[in-house]
Amino acid sequence: MESKEIFVKAHVRIIRQKVYRFVCKQCNSVSERICFPSQPLYCEICRPPKQKVDKPSSEAVVKAKTTKRKPPAKQSRVSAARTTKGKKASSAK
């Protein structure tokens, strides 16, 4: 039985994979597929494996967390009051 070693923070996890022979639900052909412990329904032609997503490097993540961002610009109270008064006056007409 094939197995994969995956390093998870503080320990090693072994994931066992198995070869399954089955009839594809979509094309009704007999096929084999290496899969985790669940019975597959579709062959690799009908439903190909998903592409792995590239994760950003740890350096980029650390850099993004440490860089300071400017806070959003706040409106002054005077300009905010003017816009609300203008809206009230135009709606009263």
PDB file of N, CA and C in Angstrom:
ATOM      1  N   MET A   1       0.850  -1.178   0.000  1.00  0.00           N
ATOM      2  CA  MET A   1       0.000   0.000   0.000  1.00  0.00           C
ATOM      3  C   MET A   1       0.895   1.239   0.000  1.00  0.00           C
ATOM      4  N   GLU A   2       0.589   2.173  -0.867  1.00  0.00           N
ATOM      5  CA  GLU A   2       1.372   3.403  -0.941  1.00  0.00           C
ATOM      6  C   GLU A   2       1.045   4.298   0.245  1.00  0.00           C
ATOM      7  N   SER A   3       2.040   5.043   0.684  1.00  0.00           N
ATOM      8  CA  SER A   3       1.789   5.990   1.768  1.00  0.00           C
ATOM      9  C   SER A   3       2.592   7.249   1.527  1.00  0.00           C
ATOM     10  N   LYS A   4       2.106   8.336   2.064  1.00  0.00           N
ATOM     11  CA  LYS A   4       2.730   9.643   1.919  1.00  0.00           C
ATOM     12  C   LYS A   4       3.098  10.146   3.297  1.00  0.00           C
ATOM     13  N   GLU A   5       4.290  10.702   3.452  1.00  0.00           N
ATOM     14  CA  GLU A   5       4.670  11.319   4.722  1.00  0.00           C
ATOM     15  C   GLU A   5       4.458  12.810   4.613  1.00  0.00           C
ATOM     16  N   ILE A   6       3.704  13.363   5.527  1.00  0.00           N
ATOM     17  CA  ILE A   6       3.442  14.795   5.537  1.00  0.00           C
ATOM     18  C   ILE A   6       3.906  15.338   6.882  1.00  0.00           C
ATOM     19  N   PHE A   7       4.699  16.405   6.863  1.00  0.00           N
ATOM     20  CA  PHE A   7       5.179  17.021   8.092  1.00  0.00           C
ATOM     21  C   PHE A   7       4.202  18.106   8.516  1.00  0.00           C
ATOM     22  N   VAL A   8       3.624  17.936   9.682  1.00  0.00           N
ATOM     23  CA  VAL A   8       2.684  18.900  10.234  1.00  0.00           C
ATOM     24  C   VAL A   8       3.305  19.444  11.505  1.00  0.00           C
ATOM     25  N   LYS A   9       3.560  20.744  11.544  1.00  0.00           N
ATOM     26  CA  LYS A   9       4.235  21.459  12.630  1.00  0.00           C
ATOM     27  C   LYS A   9       5.090  20.575  13.545  1.00  0.00           C
ATOM     28  N   ALA A  10       4.497  19.868  14.497  1.00  0.00           N
ATOM     29  CA  ALA A  10       5.301  19.192  15.511  1.00  0.00           C
ATOM     30  C   ALA A  10       5.396  17.685  15.315  1.00  0.00           C
ATOM     31  N   HIS A  11       4.706  17.116  14.334  1.00  0.00           N
ATOM     32  CA  HIS A  11       4.738  15.668  14.185  1.00  0.00           C
ATOM     33  C   HIS A  11       4.662  15.265  12.712  1.00  0.00           C
ATOM     34  N   VAL A  12       4.833  13.986  12.463  1.00  0.00           N
ATOM     35  CA  VAL A  12       4.765  13.450  11.103  1.00  0.00           C
ATOM     36  C   VAL A  12       3.485  12.642  10.988  1.00  0.00           C
ATOM     37  N   ARG A  13       2.744  12.867   9.926  1.00  0.00           N
ATOM     38  CA  ARG A  13       1.511  12.130   9.696  1.00  0.00           C
ATOM     39  C   ARG A  13       1.697  11.262   8.458  1.00  0.00           C
ATOM     40  N   ILE A  14       1.326  10.001   8.538  1.00  0.00           N
ATOM     41  CA  ILE A  14       1.417   9.101   7.391  1.00  0.00           C
ATOM     42  C   ILE A  14       0.012   8.904   6.846  1.00  0.00           C
ATOM     43  N   ILE A  15      -0.169   9.206   5.567  1.00  0.00           N
ATOM     44  CA  ILE A  15      -1.463   9.049   4.914  1.00  0.00           C
ATOM     45  C   ILE A  15      -1.364   7.864   3.970  1.00  0.00           C
ATOM     46  N   ARG A  16      -2.197   6.879   4.165  1.00  0.00           N
ATOM     47  CA  ARG A  16      -2.168   5.680   3.338  1.00  0.00           C
ATOM     48  C   ARG A  16      -3.109   5.847   2.153  1.00  0.00           C
ATOM     49  N   GLN A  17      -2.612   5.480   0.976  1.00  0.00           N
ATOM     50  CA  GLN A  17      -3.417   5.548  -0.236  1.00  0.00           C
ATOM     51  C   GLN A  17      -3.593   4.144  -0.785  1.00  0.00           C
ATOM     52  N   LYS A  18      -4.668   3.914  -1.497  1.00  0.00           N
ATOM     53  CA  LYS A  18      -4.992   2.593  -1.994  1.00  0.00           C
ATOM     54  C   LYS A  18      -5.382   2.686  -3.464  1.00  0.00           C
ATOM     55  N   VAL A  19      -5.103   1.609  -4.220  1.00  0.00           N
ATOM     56  CA  VAL A  19      -5.500   1.549  -5.627  1.00  0.00           C
ATOM     57  C   VAL A  19      -6.901   0.945  -5.680  1.00  0.00           C
ATOM     58  N   TYR A  20      -7.836   1.667  -6.276  1.00  0.00           N
ATOM     59  CA  TYR A  20      -9.216   1.201  -6.403  1.00  0.00           C
ATOM     60  C   TYR A  20      -9.520   0.884  -7.859  1.00  0.00           C
ATOM     61  N   ARG A  21     -10.196  -0.237  -8.097  1.00  0.00           N
ATOM     62  CA  ARG A  21     -10.735  -0.573  -9.420  1.00  0.00           C
ATOM     63  C   ARG A  21     -12.242  -0.378  -9.325  1.00  0.00           C
ATOM     64  N   PHE A  22     -12.798   0.379 -10.253  1.00  0.00           N
ATOM     65  CA  PHE A  22     -14.219   0.702 -10.176  1.00  0.00           C
ATOM     66  C   PHE A  22     -14.750   1.055 -11.560  1.00  0.00           C
ATOM     67  N   VAL A  23     -16.046   1.179 -11.671  1.00  0.00           N
ATOM     68  CA  VAL A  23     -16.701   1.601 -12.910  1.00  0.00           C
ATOM     69  C   VAL A  23     -17.040   3.072 -12.766  1.00  0.00           C
ATOM     70  N   CYS A  24     -16.562   3.863 -13.713  1.00  0.00           N
ATOM     71  CA  CYS A  24     -16.794   5.309 -13.678  1.00  0.00           C
ATOM     72  C   CYS A  24     -18.280   5.598 -13.855  1.00  0.00           C
ATOM     73  N   LYS A  25     -18.786   6.520 -13.077  1.00  0.00           N
ATOM     74  CA  LYS A  25     -20.204   6.872 -13.119  1.00  0.00           C
ATOM     75  C   LYS A  25     -20.580   7.628 -14.392  1.00  0.00           C
ATOM     76  N   GLN A  26     -19.625   8.376 -14.940  1.00  0.00           N
ATOM     77  CA  GLN A  26     -19.928   9.222 -16.090  1.00  0.00           C
ATOM     78  C   GLN A  26     -19.739   8.488 -17.417  1.00  0.00           C
ATOM     79  N   CYS A  27     -18.579   7.821 -17.601  1.00  0.00           N
ATOM     80  CA  CYS A  27     -18.296   7.185 -18.898  1.00  0.00           C
ATOM     81  C   CYS A  27     -18.492   5.668 -18.873  1.00  0.00           C
ATOM     82  N   ASN A  28     -18.834   5.093 -17.726  1.00  0.00           N
ATOM     83  CA  ASN A  28     -19.097   3.660 -17.559  1.00  0.00           C
ATOM     84  C   ASN A  28     -17.954   2.761 -18.005  1.00  0.00           C
ATOM     85  N   SER A  29     -16.724   3.204 -17.847  1.00  0.00           N
ATOM     86  CA  SER A  29     -15.570   2.366 -18.170  1.00  0.00           C
ATOM     87  C   SER A  29     -14.894   1.919 -16.872  1.00  0.00           C
ATOM     88  N   VAL A  30     -14.258   0.742 -16.931  1.00  0.00           N
ATOM     89  CA  VAL A  30     -13.539   0.231 -15.766  1.00  0.00           C
ATOM     90  C   VAL A  30     -12.207   0.957 -15.692  1.00  0.00           C
ATOM     91  N   SER A  31     -11.877   1.484 -14.527  1.00  0.00           N
ATOM     92  CA  SER A  31     -10.628   2.228 -14.385  1.00  0.00           C
ATOM     93  C   SER A  31     -10.033   2.005 -13.001  1.00  0.00           C
ATOM     94  N   GLU A  32      -8.764   2.377 -12.868  1.00  0.00           N
ATOM     95  CA  GLU A  32      -8.053   2.298 -11.593  1.00  0.00           C
ATOM     96  C   GLU A  32      -7.643   3.698 -11.188  1.00  0.00           C
ATOM     97  N   ARG A  33      -7.668   3.932  -9.899  1.00  0.00           N
ATOM     98  CA  ARG A  33      -7.268   5.243  -9.402  1.00  0.00           C
ATOM     99  C   ARG A  33      -6.676   5.100  -8.008  1.00  0.00           C
ATOM    100  N   ILE A  34      -5.548   5.774  -7.769  1.00  0.00           N
ATOM    101  CA  ILE A  34      -4.949   5.805  -6.433  1.00  0.00           C
ATOM    102  C   ILE A  34      -5.655   6.905  -5.662  1.00  0.00           C
ATOM    103  N   CYS A  35      -6.177   6.540  -4.500  1.00  0.00           N
ATOM    104  CA  CYS A  35      -7.030   7.481  -3.788  1.00  0.00           C
ATOM    105  C   CYS A  35      -6.877   7.294  -2.281  1.00  0.00           C
ATOM    106  N   PHE A  36      -7.363   8.242  -1.520  1.00  0.00           N
ATOM    107  CA  PHE A  36      -7.431   8.132  -0.074  1.00  0.00           C
ATOM    108  C   PHE A  36      -8.490   7.083   0.269  1.00  0.00           C
ATOM    109  N   PRO A  37      -8.672   6.739   1.526  1.00  0.00           N
ATOM    110  CA  PRO A  37      -9.560   5.628   1.879  1.00  0.00           C
ATOM    111  C   PRO A  37     -11.042   5.795   1.549  1.00  0.00           C
ATOM    112  N   SER A  38     -11.399   6.555   0.559  1.00  0.00           N
ATOM    113  CA  SER A  38     -12.801   6.627   0.148  1.00  0.00           C
ATOM    114  C   SER A  38     -12.919   6.134  -1.293  1.00  0.00           C
ATOM    115  N   GLN A  39     -14.007   5.485  -1.601  1.00  0.00           N
ATOM    116  CA  GLN A  39     -14.212   4.912  -2.929  1.00  0.00           C
ATOM    117  C   GLN A  39     -14.443   6.032  -3.948  1.00  0.00           C
ATOM    118  N   PRO A  40     -13.621   6.121  -5.006  1.00  0.00           N
ATOM    119  CA  PRO A  40     -13.833   7.154  -6.026  1.00  0.00           C
ATOM    120  C   PRO A  40     -15.028   6.812  -6.913  1.00  0.00           C
ATOM    121  N   LEU A  41     -15.658   7.823  -7.472  1.00  0.00           N
ATOM    122  CA  LEU A  41     -16.809   7.620  -8.351  1.00  0.00           C
ATOM    123  C   LEU A  41     -16.463   7.827  -9.821  1.00  0.00           C
ATOM    124  N   TYR A  42     -15.494   8.696 -10.098  1.00  0.00           N
ATOM    125  CA  TYR A  42     -15.177   9.064 -11.472  1.00  0.00           C
ATOM    126  C   TYR A  42     -13.716   8.762 -11.790  1.00  0.00           C
ATOM    127  N   CYS A  43     -13.427   8.465 -13.063  1.00  0.00           N
ATOM    128  CA  CYS A  43     -12.049   8.203 -13.482  1.00  0.00           C
ATOM    129  C   CYS A  43     -11.293   9.528 -13.633  1.00  0.00           C
ATOM    130  N   GLU A  44      -9.979   9.431 -13.846  1.00  0.00           N
ATOM    131  CA  GLU A  44      -9.154  10.642 -13.945  1.00  0.00           C
ATOM    132  C   GLU A  44      -9.416  11.418 -15.229  1.00  0.00           C
ATOM    133  N   ILE A  45      -9.999  10.782 -16.228  1.00  0.00           N
ATOM    134  CA  ILE A  45     -10.323  11.482 -17.478  1.00  0.00           C
ATOM    135  C   ILE A  45     -11.565  12.354 -17.274  1.00  0.00           C
ATOM    136  N   CYS A  46     -12.580  11.799 -16.623  1.00  0.00           N
ATOM    137  CA  CYS A  46     -13.823  12.554 -16.401  1.00  0.00           C
ATOM    138  C   CYS A  46     -13.650  13.645 -15.342  1.00  0.00           C
ATOM    139  N   ARG A  47     -12.962  13.331 -14.263  1.00  0.00           N
ATOM    140  CA  ARG A  47     -12.713  14.297 -13.189  1.00  0.00           C
ATOM    141  C   ARG A  47     -11.234  14.252 -12.827  1.00  0.00           C
ATOM    142  N   PRO A  48     -10.414  15.072 -13.481  1.00  0.00           N
ATOM    143  CA  PRO A  48      -8.972  15.055 -13.177  1.00  0.00           C
ATOM    144  C   PRO A  48      -8.700  15.592 -11.771  1.00  0.00           C
ATOM    145  N   PRO A  49      -7.551  15.216 -11.191  1.00  0.00           N
ATOM    146  CA  PRO A  49      -7.205  15.734  -9.858  1.00  0.00           C
ATOM    147  C   PRO A  49      -7.061  17.249  -9.881  1.00  0.00           C
ATOM    148  N   LYS A  50      -7.375  17.876  -8.761  1.00  0.00           N
ATOM    149  CA  LYS A  50      -7.280  19.334  -8.669  1.00  0.00           C
ATOM    150  C   LYS A  50      -5.824  19.760  -8.646  1.00  0.00           C
ATOM    151  N   GLN A  51      -5.545  20.926  -9.230  1.00  0.00           N
ATOM    152  CA  GLN A  51      -4.195  21.479  -9.226  1.00  0.00           C
ATOM    153  C   GLN A  51      -3.890  22.027  -7.838  1.00  0.00           C
ATOM    154  N   LYS A  52      -2.642  21.878  -7.418  1.00  0.00           N
ATOM    155  CA  LYS A  52      -2.239  22.409  -6.119  1.00  0.00           C
ATOM    156  C   LYS A  52      -2.083  23.917  -6.219  1.00  0.00           C
ATOM    157  N   VAL A  53      -2.544  24.620  -5.200  1.00  0.00           N
ATOM    158  CA  VAL A  53      -2.455  26.071  -5.160  1.00  0.00           C
ATOM    159  C   VAL A  53      -1.087  26.449  -4.603  1.00  0.00           C
ATOM    160  N   ASP A  54      -0.395  27.343  -5.307  1.00  0.00           N
ATOM    161  CA  ASP A  54       0.906  27.800  -4.827  1.00  0.00           C
ATOM    162  C   ASP A  54       0.699  28.762  -3.667  1.00  0.00           C
ATOM    163  N   LYS A  55       1.294  28.432  -2.534  1.00  0.00           N
ATOM    164  CA  LYS A  55       1.196  29.296  -1.368  1.00  0.00           C
ATOM    165  C   LYS A  55       2.336  30.306  -1.410  1.00  0.00           C
ATOM    166  N   PRO A  56       2.119  31.513  -0.906  1.00  0.00           N
ATOM    167  CA  PRO A  56       3.212  32.491  -0.877  1.00  0.00           C
ATOM    168  C   PRO A  56       4.316  32.014   0.057  1.00  0.00           C
ATOM    169  N   SER A  57       5.536  32.422  -0.239  1.00  0.00           N
ATOM    170  CA  SER A  57       6.663  32.001   0.592  1.00  0.00           C
ATOM    171  C   SER A  57       6.519  32.586   1.995  1.00  0.00           C
ATOM    172  N   SER A  58       7.148  31.943   2.959  1.00  0.00           N
ATOM    173  CA  SER A  58       7.034  32.404   4.347  1.00  0.00           C
ATOM    174  C   SER A  58       7.644  33.790   4.516  1.00  0.00           C
ATOM    175  N   GLU A  59       8.665  34.112   3.704  1.00  0.00           N
ATOM    176  CA  GLU A  59       9.275  35.440   3.782  1.00  0.00           C
ATOM    177  C   GLU A  59       8.273  36.518   3.381  1.00  0.00           C
ATOM    178  N   ALA A  60       7.489  36.255   2.343  1.00  0.00           N
ATOM    179  CA  ALA A  60       6.499  37.227   1.886  1.00  0.00           C
ATOM    180  C   ALA A  60       5.409  37.428   2.932  1.00  0.00           C
ATOM    181  N   VAL A  61       5.012  36.355   3.605  1.00  0.00           N
ATOM    182  CA  VAL A  61       3.979  36.450   4.636  1.00  0.00           C
ATOM    183  C   VAL A  61       4.487  37.264   5.818  1.00  0.00           C
ATOM    184  N   VAL A  62       5.722  37.011   6.245  1.00  0.00           N
ATOM    185  CA  VAL A  62       6.314  37.754   7.364  1.00  0.00           C
ATOM    186  C   VAL A  62       6.445  39.220   6.999  1.00  0.00           C
ATOM    187  N   LYS A  63       6.869  39.506   5.773  1.00  0.00           N
ATOM    188  CA  LYS A  63       7.032  40.888   5.333  1.00  0.00           C
ATOM    189  C   LYS A  63       5.689  41.615   5.330  1.00  0.00           C
ATOM    190  N   ALA A  64       4.633  40.944   4.866  1.00  0.00           N
ATOM    191  CA  ALA A  64       3.310  41.557   4.824  1.00  0.00           C
ATOM    192  C   ALA A  64       2.785  41.846   6.229  1.00  0.00           C
ATOM    193  N   LYS A  65       3.107  40.974   7.172  1.00  0.00           N
ATOM    194  CA  LYS A  65       2.640  41.177   8.545  1.00  0.00           C
ATOM    195  C   LYS A  65       3.399  42.288   9.257  1.00  0.00           C
ATOM    196  N   THR A  66       4.686  42.475   8.918  1.00  0.00           N
ATOM    197  CA  THR A  66       5.506  43.448   9.637  1.00  0.00           C
ATOM    198  C   THR A  66       5.434  44.850   9.052  1.00  0.00           C
ATOM    199  N   THR A  67       5.055  45.000   7.786  1.00  0.00           N
ATOM    200  CA  THR A  67       4.996  46.340   7.199  1.00  0.00           C
ATOM    201  C   THR A  67       3.794  47.083   7.761  1.00  0.00           C
ATOM    202  N   LYS A  68       4.002  48.353   8.057  1.00  0.00           N
ATOM    203  CA  LYS A  68       2.923  49.169   8.610  1.00  0.00           C
ATOM    204  C   LYS A  68       2.113  49.764   7.467  1.00  0.00           C
ATOM    205  N   ARG A  69       0.830  49.768   7.648  1.00  0.00           N
ATOM    206  CA  ARG A  69      -0.069  50.333   6.645  1.00  0.00           C
ATOM    207  C   ARG A  69      -0.631  51.640   7.173  1.00  0.00           C
ATOM    208  N   LYS A  70      -0.872  52.559   6.252  1.00  0.00           N
ATOM    209  CA  LYS A  70      -1.445  53.840   6.656  1.00  0.00           C
ATOM    210  C   LYS A  70      -2.921  53.640   6.959  1.00  0.00           C
ATOM    211  N   PRO A  71      -3.419  54.248   8.043  1.00  0.00           N
ATOM    212  CA  PRO A  71      -4.850  54.130   8.326  1.00  0.00           C
ATOM    213  C   PRO A  71      -5.638  54.902   7.273  1.00  0.00           C
ATOM    214  N   PRO A  72      -6.870  54.516   7.007  1.00  0.00           N
ATOM    215  CA  PRO A  72      -7.666  55.220   6.005  1.00  0.00           C
ATOM    216  C   PRO A  72      -7.908  56.668   6.425  1.00  0.00           C
ATOM    217  N   ALA A  73      -7.967  57.553   5.443  1.00  0.00           N
ATOM    218  CA  ALA A  73      -8.164  58.977   5.722  1.00  0.00           C
ATOM    219  C   ALA A  73      -9.567  59.193   6.276  1.00  0.00           C
ATOM    220  N   LYS A  74      -9.641  59.944   7.372  1.00  0.00           N
ATOM    221  CA  LYS A  74     -10.932  60.230   7.991  1.00  0.00           C
ATOM    222  C   LYS A  74     -11.434  61.578   7.499  1.00  0.00           C
ATOM    223  N   GLN A  75     -12.758  61.681   7.352  1.00  0.00           N
ATOM    224  CA  GLN A  75     -13.336  62.968   6.976  1.00  0.00           C
ATOM    225  C   GLN A  75     -13.389  63.848   8.216  1.00  0.00           C
ATOM    226  N   SER A  76     -13.144  65.123   8.012  1.00  0.00           N
ATOM    227  CA  SER A  76     -13.262  66.037   9.146  1.00  0.00           C
ATOM    228  C   SER A  76     -14.740  66.239   9.454  1.00  0.00           C
ATOM    229  N   ARG A  77     -15.050  66.621  10.674  1.00  0.00           N
ATOM    230  CA  ARG A  77     -16.441  66.778  11.085  1.00  0.00           C
ATOM    231  C   ARG A  77     -17.126  67.908  10.330  1.00  0.00           C
ATOM    232  N   VAL A  78     -16.373  68.946   9.998  1.00  0.00           N
ATOM    233  CA  VAL A  78     -16.954  70.099   9.312  1.00  0.00           C
ATOM    234  C   VAL A  78     -17.427  69.691   7.921  1.00  0.00           C
ATOM    235  N   SER A  79     -16.592  68.973   7.168  1.00  0.00           N
ATOM    236  CA  SER A  79     -16.979  68.592   5.810  1.00  0.00           C
ATOM    237  C   SER A  79     -18.109  67.574   5.843  1.00  0.00           C
ATOM    238  N   ALA A  80     -18.142  66.696   6.849  1.00  0.00           N
ATOM    239  CA  ALA A  80     -19.216  65.718   6.970  1.00  0.00           C
ATOM    240  C   ALA A  80     -20.533  66.427   7.283  1.00  0.00           C
ATOM    241  N   ALA A  81     -20.495  67.474   8.121  1.00  0.00           N
ATOM    242  CA  ALA A  81     -21.698  68.225   8.476  1.00  0.00           C
ATOM    243  C   ALA A  81     -22.235  68.973   7.265  1.00  0.00           C
ATOM    244  N   ARG A  82     -21.345  69.509   6.435  1.00  0.00           N
ATOM    245  CA  ARG A  82     -21.778  70.236   5.242  1.00  0.00           C
ATOM    246  C   ARG A  82     -22.506  69.314   4.272  1.00  0.00           C
ATOM    247  N   THR A  83     -22.011  68.118   4.091  1.00  0.00           N
ATOM    248  CA  THR A  83     -22.650  67.206   3.140  1.00  0.00           C
ATOM    249  C   THR A  83     -24.017  66.774   3.643  1.00  0.00           C
ATOM    250  N   THR A  84     -24.196  66.584   4.948  1.00  0.00           N
ATOM    251  CA  THR A  84     -25.500  66.172   5.462  1.00  0.00           C
ATOM    252  C   THR A  84     -26.491  67.325   5.401  1.00  0.00           C
ATOM    253  N   LYS A  85     -26.033  68.570   5.637  1.00  0.00           N
ATOM    254  CA  LYS A  85     -26.925  69.727   5.540  1.00  0.00           C
ATOM    255  C   LYS A  85     -27.372  69.930   4.099  1.00  0.00           C
ATOM    256  N   GLY A  86     -26.462  69.741   3.164  1.00  0.00           N
ATOM    257  CA  GLY A  86     -26.798  69.905   1.747  1.00  0.00           C
ATOM    258  C   GLY A  86     -27.823  68.877   1.304  1.00  0.00           C
ATOM    259  N   LYS A  87     -27.738  67.675   1.811  1.00  0.00           N
ATOM    260  CA  LYS A  87     -28.692  66.622   1.459  1.00  0.00           C
ATOM    261  C   LYS A  87     -30.064  66.936   2.035  1.00  0.00           C
ATOM    262  N   LYS A  88     -30.098  67.438   3.287  1.00  0.00           N
ATOM    263  CA  LYS A  88     -31.372  67.768   3.918  1.00  0.00           C
ATOM    264  C   LYS A  88     -32.064  68.905   3.179  1.00  0.00           C
ATOM    265  N   ALA A  89     -31.292  69.899   2.760  1.00  0.00           N
ATOM    266  CA  ALA A  89     -31.866  71.052   2.069  1.00  0.00           C
ATOM    267  C   ALA A  89     -32.421  70.639   0.710  1.00  0.00           C
ATOM    268  N   SER A  90     -31.717  69.773   0.001  1.00  0.00           N
ATOM    269  CA  SER A  90     -32.185  69.376  -1.328  1.00  0.00           C
ATOM    270  C   SER A  90     -33.398  68.456  -1.233  1.00  0.00           C
ATOM    271  N   SER A  91     -33.509  67.677  -0.164  1.00  0.00           N
ATOM    272  CA  SER A  91     -34.653  66.777  -0.024  1.00  0.00           C
ATOM    273  C   SER A  91     -35.899  67.543   0.437  1.00  0.00           C
ATOM    274  N   ALA A  92     -35.735  68.702   1.079  1.00  0.00           N
ATOM    275  CA  ALA A  92     -36.860  69.493   1.567  1.00  0.00           C
ATOM    276  C   ALA A  92     -37.566  70.216   0.426  1.00  0.00           C
ATOM    277  N   LYS A  93     -36.874  70.443  -0.681  1.00  0.00           N
ATOM    278  CA  LYS A  93     -37.477  71.196  -1.793  1.00  0.00           C
ATOM    279  C   LYS A  93     -38.531  70.456  -2.513  1.00  0.00           C
TER     280      LYS A  93
END
